[in-house]
Protein backbone atom coordinates (compact mmCIF):
# COMPACT_ATOMS: atom_id res chain seq x y z
CA MET A 1 12.28 -30.79 -16.71
CA ILE A 2 14.86 -28.44 -15.20
CA ILE A 3 13.83 -25.61 -12.87
CA LEU A 4 15.89 -22.65 -11.72
CA SER A 5 14.44 -21.43 -8.40
CA ILE A 6 14.88 -18.17 -6.50
CA GLU A 7 14.08 -17.26 -2.89
CA THR A 8 14.34 -13.75 -1.35
CA SER A 9 11.34 -13.51 0.99
CA CYS A 10 13.38 -12.30 3.97
CA ASP A 11 17.13 -12.11 4.55
CA ASP A 12 18.44 -15.29 2.91
CA THR A 13 19.29 -15.15 -0.78
CA GLY A 14 18.66 -18.55 -2.35
CA VAL A 15 19.21 -19.93 -5.83
CA ALA A 16 18.82 -23.61 -6.70
CA VAL A 17 18.56 -25.88 -9.71
CA LEU A 18 16.32 -28.94 -9.67
CA LYS A 19 15.48 -31.65 -12.20
CA LYS A 20 12.42 -33.84 -12.44
CA GLU A 21 12.78 -36.98 -14.49
CA LYS A 22 10.46 -39.99 -14.51
CA GLY A 23 8.62 -38.59 -11.51
CA LYS A 24 11.75 -38.21 -9.38
CA ILE A 25 12.97 -34.80 -8.19
CA THR A 26 16.73 -34.31 -7.92
CA THR A 27 18.50 -31.26 -6.47
CA LEU A 28 21.39 -30.34 -8.74
CA SER A 29 22.49 -27.37 -6.64
CA ASN A 30 21.24 -25.32 -3.70
CA VAL A 31 23.03 -22.08 -2.82
CA VAL A 32 22.09 -19.95 0.19
CA SER A 33 23.73 -16.63 1.00
CA SER A 34 22.97 -15.63 4.60
CA GLN A 35 22.73 -12.07 5.88
CA ASP A 36 22.81 -12.96 9.60
CA ASP A 37 26.07 -11.13 10.26
CA ILE A 38 24.71 -7.97 8.66
CA HIS A 39 21.49 -7.86 10.68
CA LYS A 40 23.01 -8.80 14.03
CA LYS A 41 23.57 -5.17 14.96
CA TRP A 42 19.82 -4.56 14.77
CA GLY A 43 18.80 -7.84 16.35
CA GLY A 44 16.41 -8.39 13.43
CA VAL A 45 15.99 -7.93 9.69
CA PHE A 46 16.14 -4.39 8.31
CA PRO A 47 14.12 -4.67 5.03
CA THR A 48 15.83 -2.01 2.91
CA GLU A 49 19.29 -3.29 3.87
CA ALA A 50 18.15 -6.85 3.17
CA LYS A 51 16.98 -5.80 -0.29
CA ARG A 52 20.37 -4.23 -1.09
CA GLU A 53 22.12 -7.41 -0.01
CA HIS A 54 19.81 -9.51 -2.19
CA GLN A 55 20.77 -7.34 -5.15
CA LYS A 56 24.44 -7.94 -4.41
CA ASN A 57 24.04 -11.68 -3.78
CA LEU A 58 21.67 -12.82 -6.52
CA VAL A 59 24.02 -12.89 -9.52
CA PRO A 60 26.95 -14.51 -7.63
CA SER A 61 24.51 -17.07 -6.21
CA LEU A 62 23.09 -17.71 -9.68
CA LYS A 63 26.56 -18.26 -11.11
CA LYS A 64 27.49 -20.63 -8.30
CA ALA A 65 24.25 -22.62 -8.57
CA LEU A 66 24.49 -22.97 -12.35
CA SER A 67 28.15 -23.98 -12.17
CA LYS A 68 27.40 -26.70 -9.61
CA ALA A 69 24.60 -27.97 -11.83
CA SER A 70 26.89 -27.93 -14.91
CA LEU A 71 24.55 -25.53 -16.69
CA LEU A 72 26.92 -22.62 -17.23
CA GLU A 73 29.25 -22.12 -20.17
CA LYS A 74 31.35 -19.29 -21.52
CA GLY A 75 29.77 -17.05 -24.13
CA SER A 76 27.48 -14.08 -24.31
CA ILE A 77 23.82 -13.25 -24.78
CA LYS A 78 22.63 -10.03 -26.34
CA THR A 79 21.06 -7.70 -23.79
CA ALA A 80 17.25 -7.66 -23.99
CA SER A 81 15.87 -4.19 -24.66
CA SER A 82 13.27 -4.49 -21.90
CA LEU A 83 15.83 -5.35 -19.20
CA LYS A 84 16.22 -1.75 -18.03
CA GLU A 85 12.45 -1.45 -17.72
CA ILE A 86 12.28 -4.56 -15.52
CA LEU A 87 15.18 -3.57 -13.28
CA PHE A 88 14.84 0.21 -13.24
CA ARG A 89 14.58 0.12 -9.43
CA GLU A 90 17.31 -2.51 -9.04
CA SER A 91 20.40 -0.59 -10.20
CA ILE A 92 22.93 -2.96 -8.60
CA LEU A 93 21.18 -5.98 -10.02
CA LEU A 94 20.89 -4.45 -13.48
CA LYS A 95 24.61 -3.79 -13.69
CA ASP A 96 25.55 -7.25 -12.39
CA ILE A 97 23.22 -9.15 -14.70
CA GLN A 98 24.43 -7.20 -17.75
CA VAL A 99 28.03 -8.09 -16.93
CA PHE A 100 27.04 -11.72 -16.25
CA PHE A 101 25.41 -12.22 -19.64
CA LYS A 102 28.33 -10.64 -21.49
CA LYS A 103 30.49 -13.50 -20.26
CA ASN A 104 28.14 -16.43 -19.71
CA LYS A 105 25.55 -18.59 -21.40
CA ILE A 106 23.00 -20.74 -19.58
CA LYS A 107 22.26 -24.20 -20.89
CA LYS A 108 18.68 -25.46 -21.17
CA ILE A 109 16.34 -24.44 -18.35
CA ASP A 110 12.60 -25.05 -18.74
CA ALA A 111 11.19 -22.58 -16.20
CA ILE A 112 12.04 -20.23 -13.34
CA ALA A 113 10.38 -20.69 -9.95
CA VAL A 114 10.35 -17.70 -7.62
CA THR A 115 8.89 -16.82 -4.24
CA VAL A 116 6.17 -14.22 -4.77
CA GLY A 117 4.92 -14.07 -1.15
CA PRO A 118 4.40 -13.83 1.70
CA GLY A 119 7.43 -11.98 3.02
CA LEU A 120 9.06 -8.57 3.25
CA GLU A 121 7.92 -6.63 0.21
CA PRO A 122 11.27 -4.98 -0.71
CA CYS A 123 12.98 -8.35 -0.48
CA LEU A 124 10.33 -10.17 -2.49
CA TRP A 125 10.55 -7.67 -5.32
CA ALA A 126 14.32 -8.15 -5.59
CA GLY A 127 13.81 -11.85 -6.32
CA VAL A 128 10.71 -11.37 -8.46
CA ASN A 129 12.36 -8.76 -10.68
CA PHE A 130 15.46 -10.93 -10.98
CA ALA A 131 13.26 -13.83 -12.11
CA ARG A 132 11.44 -11.53 -14.55
CA ALA A 133 14.74 -10.39 -16.03
CA LEU A 134 15.96 -13.96 -16.48
CA SER A 135 12.62 -15.00 -17.94
CA CYS A 136 12.84 -12.19 -20.46
CA TYR A 137 16.45 -13.04 -21.29
CA LEU A 138 15.91 -16.77 -21.67
CA ASN A 139 12.35 -16.65 -23.03
CA ILE A 140 11.03 -19.16 -20.50
CA PRO A 141 7.98 -19.01 -18.18
CA ILE A 142 7.89 -18.20 -14.47
CA ILE A 143 6.26 -20.41 -11.83
CA PRO A 144 5.09 -18.24 -8.89
CA VAL A 145 5.48 -20.03 -5.56
CA ASN A 146 3.93 -19.34 -2.17
CA HIS A 147 6.66 -19.36 0.47
CA ILE A 148 4.52 -21.03 3.15
CA LYS A 149 3.35 -23.72 0.76
CA ALA A 150 6.98 -24.44 -0.06
CA HIS A 151 7.71 -25.02 3.63
CA ILE A 152 5.04 -27.75 3.56
CA LEU A 153 5.78 -29.47 0.27
CA PHE A 154 9.40 -30.38 1.02
CA PHE A 155 8.35 -34.04 1.39
CA LEU A 156 7.81 -34.25 -2.38
CA LEU A 157 11.57 -34.53 -2.72
CA GLU A 158 11.39 -38.05 -1.26
CA LYS A 159 7.72 -39.06 -1.21
CA LYS A 160 5.14 -38.61 -3.94
CA GLU A 161 1.91 -39.04 -1.99
CA ILE A 162 0.53 -38.59 1.53
CA ASP A 163 -2.81 -39.40 3.10
CA PHE A 164 -5.33 -36.63 3.71
CA PRO A 165 -6.57 -34.84 5.68
CA ALA A 166 -3.25 -33.62 7.04
CA VAL A 167 -2.44 -31.06 9.71
CA GLY A 168 0.34 -28.62 8.91
CA LEU A 169 2.22 -26.56 11.49
CA ILE A 170 4.24 -23.65 10.10
CA VAL A 171 6.68 -22.17 12.63
CA SER A 172 9.12 -19.44 11.68
CA GLY A 173 10.23 -15.92 12.51
CA GLY A 174 7.24 -14.41 10.76
CA HIS A 175 4.60 -17.14 10.90
CA THR A 176 3.02 -19.51 13.39
CA GLU A 177 0.01 -21.18 11.78
CA LEU A 178 -1.93 -24.42 12.00
CA LEU A 179 -3.43 -25.58 8.71
CA LEU A 180 -5.90 -28.26 7.77
CA ILE A 181 -4.67 -29.66 4.45
CA ASN A 182 -7.29 -31.49 2.39
CA SER A 183 -5.13 -31.84 -0.72
CA LEU A 184 -1.99 -30.31 -2.20
CA SER A 185 -4.16 -27.46 -3.46
CA SER A 186 -6.62 -27.06 -0.56
CA TYR A 187 -5.58 -25.45 2.72
CA GLU A 188 -7.71 -24.12 5.56
CA LEU A 189 -6.38 -22.01 8.41
CA ILE A 190 -7.46 -23.33 11.80
CA GLY A 191 -5.15 -21.29 14.02
CA LYS A 192 -2.58 -18.52 13.90
CA THR A 193 -0.58 -16.29 16.21
CA ARG A 194 -2.41 -13.21 17.43
CA ASP A 195 0.83 -11.28 17.92
CA ASP A 196 4.44 -12.48 17.85
CA ALA A 197 5.40 -15.57 15.88
CA ALA A 198 7.35 -18.27 17.71
CA GLY A 199 10.62 -17.42 15.96
CA GLU A 200 10.09 -13.74 16.65
CA CYS A 201 9.63 -14.52 20.35
CA PHE A 202 12.91 -16.44 20.37
CA ASP A 203 14.64 -13.46 18.75
CA LYS A 204 13.23 -10.90 21.18
CA ILE A 205 14.02 -12.87 24.33
CA ALA A 206 17.51 -13.58 23.01
CA ARG A 207 17.96 -9.83 22.59
CA VAL A 208 16.85 -9.25 26.20
CA LEU A 209 19.43 -11.79 27.38
CA GLY A 210 22.19 -10.22 25.29
CA LEU A 211 22.46 -13.19 22.96
CA GLY A 212 23.13 -13.08 19.24
CA TYR A 213 20.86 -13.02 16.20
CA PRO A 214 19.06 -15.09 15.04
CA GLY A 215 17.81 -15.84 18.54
CA GLY A 216 16.44 -19.35 18.03
CA PRO A 217 19.77 -21.15 17.64
CA GLU A 218 21.30 -19.10 20.49
CA ILE A 219 18.42 -19.89 22.85
CA SER A 220 18.69 -23.57 21.91
CA LYS A 221 22.42 -23.68 22.70
CA LYS A 222 21.99 -22.03 26.10
CA ALA A 223 18.99 -24.21 26.93
CA HIS A 224 21.03 -27.31 26.20
CA LEU A 225 23.78 -26.13 28.54
CA TRP A 226 21.24 -25.67 31.33
CA GLU A 227 19.51 -28.99 30.69
CA THR A 228 22.74 -30.97 30.80
CA LYS A 229 23.90 -29.37 34.08
CA THR A 230 20.69 -29.11 36.11
CA ASN A 231 21.93 -31.58 38.70
CA LYS A 232 24.88 -29.31 39.50
CA ILE A 233 23.21 -25.88 39.55
CA LYS A 234 20.77 -24.34 41.99
CA PRO A 235 17.91 -23.08 39.80
CA PHE A 236 16.56 -19.56 39.81
CA ASP A 237 12.88 -19.00 40.52
CA ILE A 238 11.69 -18.40 36.97
CA ASN A 239 8.03 -18.93 36.08
CA LEU A 240 7.15 -18.28 32.45
CA PRO A 241 3.60 -18.71 31.10
CA LYS A 242 2.55 -21.00 28.26
CA PRO A 243 0.08 -18.59 26.62
CA MET A 244 -3.16 -19.97 25.17
CA MET A 245 -1.98 -23.54 25.60
CA HIS A 246 -5.37 -24.65 26.88
CA SER A 247 -7.58 -22.22 24.96
CA LYS A 248 -10.56 -23.73 23.15
CA ASN A 249 -9.26 -22.60 19.78
CA TYR A 250 -6.00 -23.20 17.91
CA ASP A 251 -4.61 -19.68 18.07
CA PHE A 252 -1.22 -18.81 19.51
CA SER A 253 0.11 -15.81 21.44
CA PHE A 254 3.75 -15.37 22.36
CA SER A 255 3.78 -11.67 23.23
CA GLY A 256 2.91 -12.40 26.87
CA LEU A 257 5.76 -14.88 27.13
CA LYS A 258 8.20 -12.29 25.78
CA THR A 259 6.91 -9.71 28.28
CA ALA A 260 7.14 -12.14 31.21
CA ALA A 261 10.75 -12.94 30.34
CA LEU A 262 11.56 -9.23 30.07
CA TYR A 263 9.98 -8.41 33.45
CA ASP A 264 11.80 -11.27 35.12
CA PHE A 265 15.08 -10.04 33.65
CA LEU A 266 14.49 -6.44 34.72
CA SER A 267 13.60 -7.55 38.25
CA ARG A 268 17.05 -9.10 38.74
CA GLU A 269 20.18 -7.44 40.00
CA GLU A 270 22.77 -6.66 37.34
CA LYS A 271 25.06 -9.44 38.51
CA VAL A 272 22.22 -11.93 38.06
CA GLN A 273 21.36 -10.57 34.61
CA LYS A 274 24.92 -11.34 33.56
CA ASN A 275 25.05 -14.67 35.35
CA LYS A 276 25.56 -17.47 32.82
CA ASN A 277 23.43 -19.88 34.80
CA TYR A 278 20.54 -17.43 34.89
CA ILE A 279 20.80 -16.81 31.15
CA ASN A 280 20.96 -20.53 30.42
CA GLN A 281 17.96 -21.29 32.61
CA MET A 282 15.92 -18.45 31.09
CA ALA A 283 16.75 -19.82 27.65
CA TYR A 284 15.64 -23.28 28.78
CA GLU A 285 12.35 -22.01 30.25
CA THR A 286 11.67 -20.00 27.10
CA GLN A 287 12.27 -22.95 24.83
CA GLU A 288 10.14 -25.28 26.96
CA ALA A 289 7.23 -22.82 26.97
CA ILE A 290 7.25 -22.28 23.20
CA VAL A 291 7.76 -25.92 22.25
CA ASP A 292 5.16 -27.23 24.71
CA VAL A 293 2.50 -24.89 23.32
CA LEU A 294 3.32 -25.82 19.71
CA VAL A 295 3.26 -29.57 20.35
CA PHE A 296 0.11 -29.44 22.50
CA LYS A 297 -1.84 -27.54 19.82
CA LEU A 298 -0.53 -29.88 17.11
CA LYS A 299 -1.72 -32.93 19.06
CA LYS A 300 -5.11 -31.35 19.67
CA ALA A 301 -5.59 -30.59 15.97
CA ILE A 302 -4.59 -34.11 14.92
CA LYS A 303 -7.22 -35.58 17.23
CA GLU A 304 -10.06 -33.20 16.40
CA TYR A 305 -9.64 -33.34 12.63
CA ASN A 306 -8.78 -37.07 12.49
CA ALA A 307 -5.61 -36.24 10.59
CA LYS A 308 -3.84 -39.02 8.74
CA THR A 309 -0.60 -37.08 8.32
CA ALA A 310 1.22 -34.30 10.19
CA ILE A 311 3.64 -31.93 8.44
CA LEU A 312 5.88 -29.33 10.08
CA GLY A 313 7.74 -26.59 8.25
CA GLY A 314 9.59 -23.34 8.86
CA GLY A 315 12.85 -22.24 10.41
CA VAL A 316 11.87 -23.11 13.98
CA THR A 317 11.59 -26.79 13.00
CA ALA A 318 15.39 -26.81 13.15
CA ASN A 319 15.04 -26.51 16.95
CA LYS A 320 16.33 -29.76 18.50
CA LYS A 321 13.88 -29.77 21.40
CA LEU A 322 10.89 -29.33 19.06
CA ARG A 323 12.14 -32.15 16.85
CA GLU A 324 12.64 -34.41 19.88
CA LYS A 325 9.13 -33.84 21.22
CA VAL A 326 7.50 -34.23 17.81
CA LYS A 327 9.30 -37.52 17.21
CA LYS A 328 8.01 -38.81 20.57
CA LEU A 329 4.47 -38.35 19.24
CA ASP A 330 5.00 -41.54 17.24
CA LYS A 331 4.11 -43.48 20.39
CA GLU A 332 0.85 -41.58 20.86
CA PHE A 333 -0.07 -41.66 17.15
CA PRO A 334 1.56 -44.85 15.79
CA LEU A 335 -0.46 -44.81 12.56
CA ILE A 336 0.28 -41.20 11.64
CA PRO A 337 3.50 -40.25 9.84
CA PHE A 338 5.13 -37.02 11.04
CA PHE A 339 7.08 -35.17 8.37
CA LEU A 340 9.86 -32.89 9.55
CA PRO A 341 12.11 -31.22 6.99
CA PRO A 342 15.83 -31.93 7.07
CA VAL A 343 17.53 -29.18 9.06
CA SER A 344 19.07 -27.97 5.80
CA LEU A 345 15.56 -27.35 4.41
CA SER A 346 14.09 -25.86 7.59
CA THR A 347 15.27 -22.31 7.07
CA ASP A 348 14.52 -20.35 3.90
CA ASN A 349 16.13 -21.77 0.76
CA ALA A 350 15.48 -21.95 -2.97
CA ASN A 351 15.49 -25.74 -2.98
CA MET A 352 12.09 -25.87 -1.29
CA ILE A 353 10.78 -23.27 -3.77
CA GLY A 354 11.83 -25.48 -6.64
CA ILE A 355 10.27 -28.56 -5.04
CA ALA A 356 6.96 -26.74 -4.57
CA SER A 357 7.01 -25.51 -8.18
CA PHE A 358 6.74 -29.08 -9.48
CA ALA A 359 3.32 -29.31 -7.79
CA SER A 360 2.08 -26.23 -9.68
CA LYS A 361 0.57 -26.03 -13.14
CA GLU A 362 0.80 -22.23 -13.24
CA ARG A 363 3.07 -20.73 -15.88
CA LEU A 364 3.30 -16.94 -16.30
CA SER A 365 5.10 -14.56 -18.61
CA PHE A 366 7.50 -12.09 -17.03
CA GLU A 367 4.98 -9.24 -17.49
CA ASP A 368 2.40 -10.95 -15.29
CA VAL A 369 4.42 -11.83 -12.18
CA LYS A 370 4.05 -9.67 -9.08
CA ALA A 371 5.07 -9.87 -5.42
CA ASP A 372 2.41 -10.11 -2.71
CA ALA A 373 3.78 -9.56 0.79
CA ASN A 374 0.53 -10.71 2.41
CA MET A 375 -0.14 -13.75 0.23
CA LYS A 376 -2.17 -16.57 1.79
CA ILE A 377 -2.47 -20.22 0.83
CA TYR A 378 -5.63 -21.09 2.73
CA ASN A 379 -9.19 -20.86 1.46
CA ASP A 380 -10.85 -19.59 4.61
CA PHE A 381 -10.54 -19.38 8.36
CA LYS A 382 -11.85 -22.57 9.91
CA ASN A 383 -11.30 -21.81 13.57
CA ILE A 384 -14.56 -23.30 14.77
CA LYS A 385 -14.07 -22.66 18.49
CA GLU A 386 -13.70 -19.34 20.24
């Protein structure tokens, strides 16, 4: 079975091709087109601009992914009459896909997997309508995929089964959630952020410090510089909170941390604000606060729910300090496997969407697929302590 997968939930355009044969999943190609340079001037993702970029990037990414997977050949396919109806709001995409199919043929693909939610609605619709157009063209079904679920199911690429119950921690720019996973189709939310997500907090504090976007990698670099030179530098008096770390429930809150960092910054003289050592230490303190809260809550959930597996997913799992502290949990929980995605699969990509699609039995026609910006994967809220 060969799957073409598409991801456009935020600002990364992803197209991948995967094959499943004799129970083994193989990635034939995985193309990601980043928009980081475009959104740097805003310090965050501007949805309408992101949608326009998706429209520009989808067909070139498709061509590249199919070529790498040896599934593209010269030729032409007659334009489907319903194509204009599907892409009537995607003028750039309509033009590009018409030109593409005048010059190219796609070899056998069995289905198209696409992110349908959650995410930024304009961005989601760009990918969904692209998938609908391809489905119509090629007369193949669509597999709708939940973006958060895809962040969890990456392990299927290498491992077929895990022991349940499992605890899942999703950490990204838009989500910070703790899930109790009873099976690959049963998820219960036990904790979530009440305000800013962890990745969003990284971005906002990076903006305060005058660092680039996305903020997570920039904070991590500066934190590493501080950590490796602490014996040579007199530290500044910086005291950042670790919000809700010891609350009775599993919820998160990073807005207070962001505010504390801002107030500390504003209280400093201009020469201090621009001081590299101050910036590096603030980055270090920020990273320590966020990572410590995440790891503490993860440990607490593992113990309370007698988890047999722990799975982490989302862009923030690329953070080196988080990965280091999670790996050290092996000593505290020697019988529990901790699954961390490869750094290449941490941030948004179509490969993970394709992997997740193999765990789904859902097959839809192009008329029935819709985007849902607020899509959930959990059955109910199981936060038993207030």
